[in-house]
N, C-alpha and C. Protein backbone atom coordinates (compact mmCIF):
# COMPACT_ATOMS: atom_id res chain seq x y z
N UNK A 1 20.41 -13.36 8.27
CA UNK A 1 19.00 -13.61 8.43
C UNK A 1 18.29 -12.27 8.61
N UNK A 2 17.16 -12.12 7.92
CA UNK A 2 16.42 -10.87 7.97
C UNK A 2 15.41 -10.92 9.12
N UNK A 3 15.40 -9.87 9.92
CA UNK A 3 14.52 -9.86 11.08
C UNK A 3 13.17 -9.23 10.81
N UNK A 4 13.04 -8.45 9.74
CA UNK A 4 11.78 -7.81 9.43
C UNK A 4 11.63 -6.45 10.09
N UNK A 5 12.72 -5.94 10.65
CA UNK A 5 12.69 -4.62 11.28
C UNK A 5 13.69 -3.72 10.57
N UNK A 6 13.23 -2.55 10.21
CA UNK A 6 14.10 -1.55 9.59
C UNK A 6 14.24 -0.39 10.55
N UNK A 7 15.29 0.38 10.35
CA UNK A 7 15.54 1.53 11.21
C UNK A 7 15.46 2.79 10.38
N UNK A 8 14.74 3.76 10.88
CA UNK A 8 14.60 5.03 10.17
C UNK A 8 15.83 5.89 10.38
N UNK A 9 15.81 7.09 9.82
CA UNK A 9 16.97 7.98 9.89
C UNK A 9 17.32 8.36 11.32
N UNK A 10 16.33 8.45 12.19
CA UNK A 10 16.62 8.83 13.57
C UNK A 10 16.93 7.64 14.46
N UNK A 11 17.03 6.43 13.91
CA UNK A 11 17.41 5.26 14.66
C UNK A 11 16.25 4.50 15.28
N UNK A 12 15.03 4.94 15.08
CA UNK A 12 13.87 4.26 15.65
C UNK A 12 13.55 3.02 14.83
N UNK A 13 13.14 1.96 15.52
CA UNK A 13 12.77 0.72 14.83
C UNK A 13 11.49 0.94 14.04
N UNK A 14 11.41 0.30 12.89
CA UNK A 14 10.29 0.49 11.98
C UNK A 14 9.95 -0.85 11.35
N UNK A 15 8.67 -1.19 11.27
CA UNK A 15 8.28 -2.46 10.66
C UNK A 15 8.41 -2.37 9.14
N UNK A 16 8.40 -3.53 8.49
CA UNK A 16 8.52 -3.58 7.04
C UNK A 16 7.32 -2.90 6.39
N UNK A 17 6.13 -3.13 6.94
CA UNK A 17 4.93 -2.53 6.36
C UNK A 17 4.95 -1.01 6.46
N UNK A 18 5.36 -0.49 7.60
CA UNK A 18 5.42 0.97 7.72
C UNK A 18 6.52 1.55 6.84
N UNK A 19 7.64 0.84 6.67
CA UNK A 19 8.69 1.30 5.77
C UNK A 19 8.19 1.33 4.32
N UNK A 20 7.44 0.28 3.92
CA UNK A 20 6.90 0.24 2.57
C UNK A 20 5.91 1.37 2.34
N UNK A 21 5.04 1.62 3.32
CA UNK A 21 4.06 2.70 3.17
C UNK A 21 4.75 4.05 3.11
N UNK A 22 5.78 4.23 3.93
CA UNK A 22 6.53 5.48 3.91
C UNK A 22 7.27 5.65 2.58
N UNK A 23 7.81 4.56 2.05
CA UNK A 23 8.50 4.62 0.76
C UNK A 23 7.54 4.88 -0.39
N UNK A 24 6.33 4.36 -0.26
CA UNK A 24 5.34 4.50 -1.32
C UNK A 24 4.78 5.91 -1.39
N UNK A 25 4.56 6.51 -0.25
CA UNK A 25 3.96 7.84 -0.22
C UNK A 25 2.45 7.74 -0.19
N UNK A 26 1.80 8.70 0.40
CA UNK A 26 0.35 8.61 0.57
C UNK A 26 -0.40 8.72 -0.76
N UNK A 27 0.10 9.54 -1.68
CA UNK A 27 -0.58 9.68 -2.97
C UNK A 27 -0.57 8.38 -3.75
N UNK A 28 0.61 7.77 -3.89
CA UNK A 28 0.70 6.53 -4.65
C UNK A 28 0.01 5.38 -3.92
N UNK A 29 0.06 5.37 -2.60
CA UNK A 29 -0.63 4.32 -1.85
C UNK A 29 -2.13 4.40 -2.09
N UNK A 30 -2.69 5.60 -2.02
CA UNK A 30 -4.13 5.76 -2.26
C UNK A 30 -4.48 5.42 -3.70
N UNK A 31 -3.71 5.94 -4.66
CA UNK A 31 -4.01 5.74 -6.07
C UNK A 31 -3.93 4.26 -6.46
N UNK A 32 -2.87 3.58 -6.05
CA UNK A 32 -2.73 2.17 -6.39
C UNK A 32 -3.82 1.32 -5.74
N UNK A 33 -4.13 1.60 -4.49
CA UNK A 33 -5.17 0.84 -3.80
C UNK A 33 -6.54 1.08 -4.42
N UNK A 34 -6.85 2.33 -4.71
CA UNK A 34 -8.16 2.66 -5.29
C UNK A 34 -8.34 2.03 -6.67
N UNK A 35 -7.35 2.19 -7.54
CA UNK A 35 -7.45 1.64 -8.90
C UNK A 35 -7.52 0.12 -8.86
N UNK A 36 -6.73 -0.51 -8.01
CA UNK A 36 -6.75 -1.97 -7.90
C UNK A 36 -8.09 -2.47 -7.38
N UNK A 37 -8.65 -1.77 -6.40
CA UNK A 37 -9.95 -2.17 -5.86
C UNK A 37 -11.05 -2.03 -6.91
N UNK A 38 -11.05 -0.92 -7.64
CA UNK A 38 -12.07 -0.71 -8.68
C UNK A 38 -11.94 -1.78 -9.77
N UNK A 39 -10.71 -2.08 -10.19
CA UNK A 39 -10.52 -3.11 -11.21
C UNK A 39 -10.94 -4.49 -10.71
N UNK A 40 -10.66 -4.80 -9.45
CA UNK A 40 -11.03 -6.10 -8.91
C UNK A 40 -12.55 -6.24 -8.83
N UNK A 41 -13.23 -5.21 -8.34
CA UNK A 41 -14.70 -5.25 -8.27
C UNK A 41 -15.30 -5.35 -9.66
N UNK A 42 -14.77 -4.58 -10.60
CA UNK A 42 -15.27 -4.64 -11.98
C UNK A 42 -15.02 -6.02 -12.59
N UNK A 43 -13.88 -6.62 -12.29
CA UNK A 43 -13.58 -7.96 -12.81
C UNK A 43 -14.54 -8.99 -12.23
N UNK A 44 -14.82 -8.89 -10.93
CA UNK A 44 -15.76 -9.83 -10.30
C UNK A 44 -17.16 -9.68 -10.89
N UNK A 45 -17.62 -8.45 -11.04
CA UNK A 45 -18.95 -8.20 -11.62
C UNK A 45 -19.00 -8.69 -13.06
N UNK A 46 -17.95 -8.43 -13.80
CA UNK A 46 -17.91 -8.84 -15.20
C UNK A 46 -17.94 -10.35 -15.35
N UNK A 47 -17.17 -11.04 -14.54
CA UNK A 47 -17.12 -12.50 -14.63
C UNK A 47 -18.46 -13.11 -14.22
N UNK A 48 -19.13 -12.51 -13.23
CA UNK A 48 -20.40 -13.06 -12.76
C UNK A 48 -21.57 -12.73 -13.68
N UNK A 49 -21.52 -11.63 -14.39
CA UNK A 49 -22.70 -11.20 -15.14
C UNK A 49 -22.62 -11.42 -16.65
N UNK A 50 -21.44 -11.46 -17.21
CA UNK A 50 -21.30 -11.55 -18.67
C UNK A 50 -21.12 -13.01 -19.07
N UNK A 51 -21.80 -13.40 -20.13
CA UNK A 51 -21.72 -14.79 -20.60
C UNK A 51 -20.71 -14.98 -21.73
N UNK A 52 -20.42 -13.93 -22.46
CA UNK A 52 -19.52 -14.05 -23.62
C UNK A 52 -18.06 -13.93 -23.18
N UNK A 53 -17.23 -14.89 -23.54
CA UNK A 53 -15.81 -14.82 -23.14
C UNK A 53 -15.05 -13.69 -23.82
N UNK A 54 -15.53 -13.20 -24.95
CA UNK A 54 -14.81 -12.12 -25.64
C UNK A 54 -14.86 -10.82 -24.85
N UNK A 55 -15.92 -10.59 -24.09
CA UNK A 55 -16.02 -9.37 -23.27
C UNK A 55 -15.01 -9.44 -22.13
N UNK A 56 -14.88 -10.61 -21.53
CA UNK A 56 -13.91 -10.79 -20.45
C UNK A 56 -12.49 -10.63 -20.99
N UNK A 57 -12.24 -11.19 -22.16
CA UNK A 57 -10.91 -11.06 -22.77
C UNK A 57 -10.59 -9.60 -23.11
N UNK A 58 -11.59 -8.84 -23.51
CA UNK A 58 -11.36 -7.43 -23.82
C UNK A 58 -11.03 -6.64 -22.56
N UNK A 59 -11.58 -7.03 -21.43
CA UNK A 59 -11.32 -6.32 -20.17
C UNK A 59 -9.92 -6.61 -19.64
N UNK A 60 -9.28 -7.67 -20.12
CA UNK A 60 -7.92 -8.00 -19.68
C UNK A 60 -6.92 -6.89 -20.01
N UNK A 61 -7.27 -6.02 -20.94
CA UNK A 61 -6.38 -4.92 -21.31
C UNK A 61 -6.18 -3.97 -20.13
N UNK A 62 -7.19 -3.81 -19.27
CA UNK A 62 -7.12 -2.86 -18.18
C UNK A 62 -6.45 -3.41 -16.93
N UNK A 63 -6.19 -4.71 -16.88
CA UNK A 63 -5.64 -5.32 -15.67
C UNK A 63 -4.26 -4.79 -15.30
N UNK A 64 -3.33 -4.55 -16.23
CA UNK A 64 -2.01 -4.07 -15.83
C UNK A 64 -1.96 -2.60 -15.42
N UNK A 65 -3.09 -1.93 -15.29
CA UNK A 65 -3.09 -0.51 -14.93
C UNK A 65 -2.39 -0.22 -13.60
N UNK A 66 -2.60 -1.01 -12.52
CA UNK A 66 -1.84 -0.74 -11.29
C UNK A 66 -0.33 -0.89 -11.47
N UNK A 67 0.08 -1.85 -12.27
CA UNK A 67 1.51 -2.02 -12.53
C UNK A 67 2.07 -0.81 -13.27
N UNK A 68 1.33 -0.30 -14.25
CA UNK A 68 1.79 0.87 -14.99
C UNK A 68 1.83 2.11 -14.09
N UNK A 69 0.85 2.24 -13.19
CA UNK A 69 0.88 3.35 -12.24
C UNK A 69 2.07 3.22 -11.28
N UNK A 70 2.39 1.98 -10.89
CA UNK A 70 3.56 1.75 -10.05
C UNK A 70 4.85 2.10 -10.76
N UNK A 71 4.94 1.76 -12.04
CA UNK A 71 6.12 2.14 -12.82
C UNK A 71 6.25 3.65 -12.95
N UNK A 72 5.12 4.32 -13.16
CA UNK A 72 5.15 5.78 -13.24
C UNK A 72 5.59 6.38 -11.91
N UNK A 73 5.12 5.80 -10.79
CA UNK A 73 5.55 6.27 -9.47
C UNK A 73 7.04 6.04 -9.24
N UNK A 74 7.54 4.90 -9.71
CA UNK A 74 8.97 4.62 -9.58
C UNK A 74 9.81 5.63 -10.36
N UNK A 75 9.41 5.91 -11.58
CA UNK A 75 10.16 6.89 -12.37
C UNK A 75 10.10 8.27 -11.74
N UNK A 76 8.95 8.66 -11.23
CA UNK A 76 8.81 9.96 -10.58
C UNK A 76 9.72 10.04 -9.35
N UNK A 77 9.74 8.99 -8.54
CA UNK A 77 10.57 8.99 -7.34
C UNK A 77 12.05 8.90 -7.67
N UNK A 78 12.41 8.18 -8.74
CA UNK A 78 13.82 8.12 -9.16
C UNK A 78 14.32 9.49 -9.59
N UNK A 79 13.51 10.20 -10.34
CA UNK A 79 13.89 11.55 -10.77
C UNK A 79 14.10 12.44 -9.56
N UNK A 80 13.19 12.36 -8.59
CA UNK A 80 13.35 13.17 -7.37
C UNK A 80 14.60 12.78 -6.59
N UNK A 81 14.91 11.47 -6.52
CA UNK A 81 16.09 11.02 -5.78
C UNK A 81 17.37 11.52 -6.43
N UNK A 82 17.46 11.42 -7.74
CA UNK A 82 18.68 11.87 -8.42
C UNK A 82 18.79 13.39 -8.42
N UNK A 83 17.67 14.08 -8.46
CA UNK A 83 17.71 15.54 -8.35
C UNK A 83 18.22 15.94 -6.96
N UNK A 84 17.75 15.25 -5.94
CA UNK A 84 18.22 15.51 -4.58
C UNK A 84 19.70 15.18 -4.44
N UNK A 85 20.15 14.10 -5.09
CA UNK A 85 21.56 13.74 -5.02
C UNK A 85 22.43 14.80 -5.67
N UNK A 86 21.97 15.39 -6.74
CA UNK A 86 22.73 16.45 -7.39
C UNK A 86 22.78 17.72 -6.58
N UNK A 87 21.74 17.99 -5.81
CA UNK A 87 21.70 19.20 -5.00
C UNK A 87 22.55 19.05 -3.74
N UNK A 88 22.45 17.89 -3.09
CA UNK A 88 23.11 17.70 -1.80
C UNK A 88 24.62 17.69 -1.94
N UNK A 89 25.16 16.79 -2.77
CA UNK A 89 26.61 16.68 -2.91
C UNK A 89 26.94 16.21 -4.32
N UNK A 90 27.22 17.12 -5.23
CA UNK A 90 27.48 16.71 -6.60
C UNK A 90 28.76 15.89 -6.77
N UNK A 91 29.68 15.93 -5.81
CA UNK A 91 30.92 15.17 -5.95
C UNK A 91 30.73 13.71 -5.56
N UNK A 92 29.75 13.39 -4.72
CA UNK A 92 29.50 12.01 -4.29
C UNK A 92 28.02 11.68 -4.51
N UNK A 93 27.62 11.43 -5.76
CA UNK A 93 26.19 11.24 -6.02
C UNK A 93 25.63 9.91 -5.55
N UNK A 94 26.49 8.94 -5.23
CA UNK A 94 25.98 7.64 -4.83
C UNK A 94 26.36 7.30 -3.40
N UNK A 95 26.01 8.17 -2.50
CA UNK A 95 26.21 7.91 -1.09
C UNK A 95 25.16 6.95 -0.56
N UNK A 96 25.27 6.56 0.69
CA UNK A 96 24.30 5.61 1.24
C UNK A 96 22.87 6.14 1.27
N UNK A 97 22.69 7.43 1.44
CA UNK A 97 21.34 7.99 1.47
C UNK A 97 20.66 7.86 0.11
N UNK A 98 21.43 8.09 -0.95
CA UNK A 98 20.87 7.98 -2.29
C UNK A 98 20.55 6.53 -2.61
N UNK A 99 21.39 5.61 -2.16
CA UNK A 99 21.14 4.19 -2.39
C UNK A 99 19.86 3.76 -1.69
N UNK A 100 19.66 4.22 -0.48
CA UNK A 100 18.43 3.91 0.25
C UNK A 100 17.22 4.50 -0.48
N UNK A 101 17.35 5.72 -0.98
CA UNK A 101 16.25 6.35 -1.71
C UNK A 101 15.92 5.60 -3.00
N UNK A 102 16.95 5.16 -3.72
CA UNK A 102 16.71 4.41 -4.95
C UNK A 102 16.04 3.08 -4.64
N UNK A 103 16.45 2.42 -3.56
CA UNK A 103 15.79 1.18 -3.16
C UNK A 103 14.34 1.42 -2.78
N UNK A 104 14.07 2.53 -2.14
CA UNK A 104 12.70 2.84 -1.73
C UNK A 104 11.81 3.18 -2.92
N UNK A 105 12.40 3.66 -4.01
CA UNK A 105 11.58 4.00 -5.17
C UNK A 105 11.00 2.77 -5.85
N UNK A 106 11.65 1.64 -5.70
CA UNK A 106 11.18 0.42 -6.36
C UNK A 106 9.95 -0.18 -5.69
N UNK A 107 9.58 0.34 -4.53
CA UNK A 107 8.44 -0.19 -3.79
C UNK A 107 7.15 0.01 -4.57
N UNK A 108 6.98 1.12 -5.25
CA UNK A 108 5.72 1.37 -5.95
C UNK A 108 5.51 0.38 -7.10
N UNK A 109 6.57 -0.01 -7.79
CA UNK A 109 6.43 -1.03 -8.83
C UNK A 109 6.07 -2.38 -8.22
N UNK A 110 6.70 -2.72 -7.11
CA UNK A 110 6.41 -3.98 -6.43
C UNK A 110 4.96 -4.02 -5.96
N UNK A 111 4.49 -2.95 -5.35
CA UNK A 111 3.10 -2.90 -4.87
C UNK A 111 2.13 -2.94 -6.04
N UNK A 112 2.44 -2.23 -7.12
CA UNK A 112 1.59 -2.28 -8.31
C UNK A 112 1.49 -3.67 -8.89
N UNK A 113 2.62 -4.39 -8.90
CA UNK A 113 2.62 -5.76 -9.40
C UNK A 113 1.80 -6.67 -8.51
N UNK A 114 1.95 -6.53 -7.20
CA UNK A 114 1.19 -7.37 -6.28
C UNK A 114 -0.31 -7.09 -6.32
N UNK A 115 -0.67 -5.84 -6.55
CA UNK A 115 -2.09 -5.49 -6.62
C UNK A 115 -2.71 -5.82 -7.97
N UNK A 116 -1.90 -6.17 -8.96
CA UNK A 116 -2.41 -6.59 -10.26
C UNK A 116 -2.87 -8.04 -10.24
N UNK A 117 -2.25 -8.87 -9.43
CA UNK A 117 -2.52 -10.30 -9.45
C UNK A 117 -3.96 -10.70 -9.13
N UNK A 118 -4.64 -10.14 -8.12
CA UNK A 118 -6.01 -10.61 -7.86
C UNK A 118 -6.96 -10.42 -9.05
N UNK A 119 -6.90 -9.28 -9.70
CA UNK A 119 -7.77 -9.05 -10.87
C UNK A 119 -7.38 -9.97 -12.01
N UNK A 120 -6.10 -10.19 -12.18
CA UNK A 120 -5.63 -11.07 -13.25
C UNK A 120 -6.09 -12.51 -13.02
N UNK A 121 -6.03 -12.96 -11.79
CA UNK A 121 -6.46 -14.32 -11.47
C UNK A 121 -7.96 -14.47 -11.68
N UNK A 122 -8.75 -13.50 -11.19
CA UNK A 122 -10.21 -13.57 -11.36
C UNK A 122 -10.59 -13.58 -12.83
N UNK A 123 -10.01 -12.68 -13.61
CA UNK A 123 -10.34 -12.62 -15.04
C UNK A 123 -9.83 -13.84 -15.80
N UNK A 124 -8.65 -14.32 -15.45
CA UNK A 124 -8.12 -15.51 -16.12
C UNK A 124 -8.96 -16.74 -15.87
N UNK A 125 -9.32 -16.97 -14.61
CA UNK A 125 -10.17 -18.12 -14.29
C UNK A 125 -11.57 -17.95 -14.86
N UNK A 126 -12.10 -16.74 -14.80
CA UNK A 126 -13.41 -16.48 -15.39
C UNK A 126 -13.41 -16.69 -16.89
N UNK A 127 -12.34 -16.29 -17.55
CA UNK A 127 -12.24 -16.48 -18.99
C UNK A 127 -12.16 -17.97 -19.33
N UNK A 128 -11.38 -18.72 -18.57
CA UNK A 128 -11.31 -20.17 -18.81
C UNK A 128 -12.66 -20.84 -18.59
N UNK A 129 -13.34 -20.45 -17.52
CA UNK A 129 -14.64 -21.04 -17.21
C UNK A 129 -15.68 -20.68 -18.26
N UNK A 130 -15.75 -19.40 -18.63
CA UNK A 130 -16.74 -18.98 -19.63
C UNK A 130 -16.44 -19.57 -21.01
N UNK A 131 -15.18 -19.73 -21.35
CA UNK A 131 -14.83 -20.32 -22.64
C UNK A 131 -15.21 -21.80 -22.68
N UNK A 132 -15.00 -22.49 -21.57
CA UNK A 132 -15.34 -23.91 -21.52
C UNK A 132 -16.85 -24.14 -21.53
N UNK A 133 -17.61 -23.24 -20.94
CA UNK A 133 -19.06 -23.43 -20.82
C UNK A 133 -19.87 -22.67 -21.86
N UNK A 134 -19.23 -21.87 -22.70
CA UNK A 134 -19.97 -21.01 -23.63
C UNK A 134 -20.45 -21.80 -24.84
N UNK A 135 -21.72 -21.59 -25.17
CA UNK A 135 -22.29 -22.17 -26.38
C UNK A 135 -22.76 -21.02 -27.25
N UNK A 136 -22.30 -20.96 -28.49
CA UNK A 136 -22.74 -19.85 -29.34
C UNK A 136 -24.25 -19.92 -29.58
N UNK A 137 -24.89 -18.77 -29.69
CA UNK A 137 -26.34 -18.78 -29.92
C UNK A 137 -26.65 -19.37 -31.29
N UNK A 138 -27.69 -20.15 -31.31
CA UNK A 138 -28.09 -20.77 -32.59
C UNK A 138 -28.92 -19.79 -33.41
N UNK A 139 -28.91 -19.98 -34.70
CA UNK A 139 -29.64 -19.09 -35.61
C UNK A 139 -31.03 -19.63 -35.94
N UNK A 140 -31.63 -20.36 -35.06
CA UNK A 140 -32.95 -20.95 -35.34
C UNK A 140 -34.03 -19.93 -35.38
């Protein structure tokens, strides 16, 4: 059974949220949060102000941006982890420290995926609503 408490290198108890933030790093935490917030606000404004469903559908291209930033962060952190593993002990590259580092690198992809969902839901529901209620302009 998981208790929700992790222990840092010095043995101090650490919450799951603080472990995730520490694994994410301040740069990726700020970048993912900022981009997700801007996309969510833009999606809300777009759904409320635009009447044509094609404009909303075109904006769906930008929704996976936090996920792609999370993947880029994961690759960057994986490269750093394996570089550190090669420097520390080339004979034992998969020690417990490296395993913990590799597990921590996946946090940025997870956070990027979770921050993608609100914008995707708003745009998806807005697209369904605008498509159902849209009437093409008449040529009268």
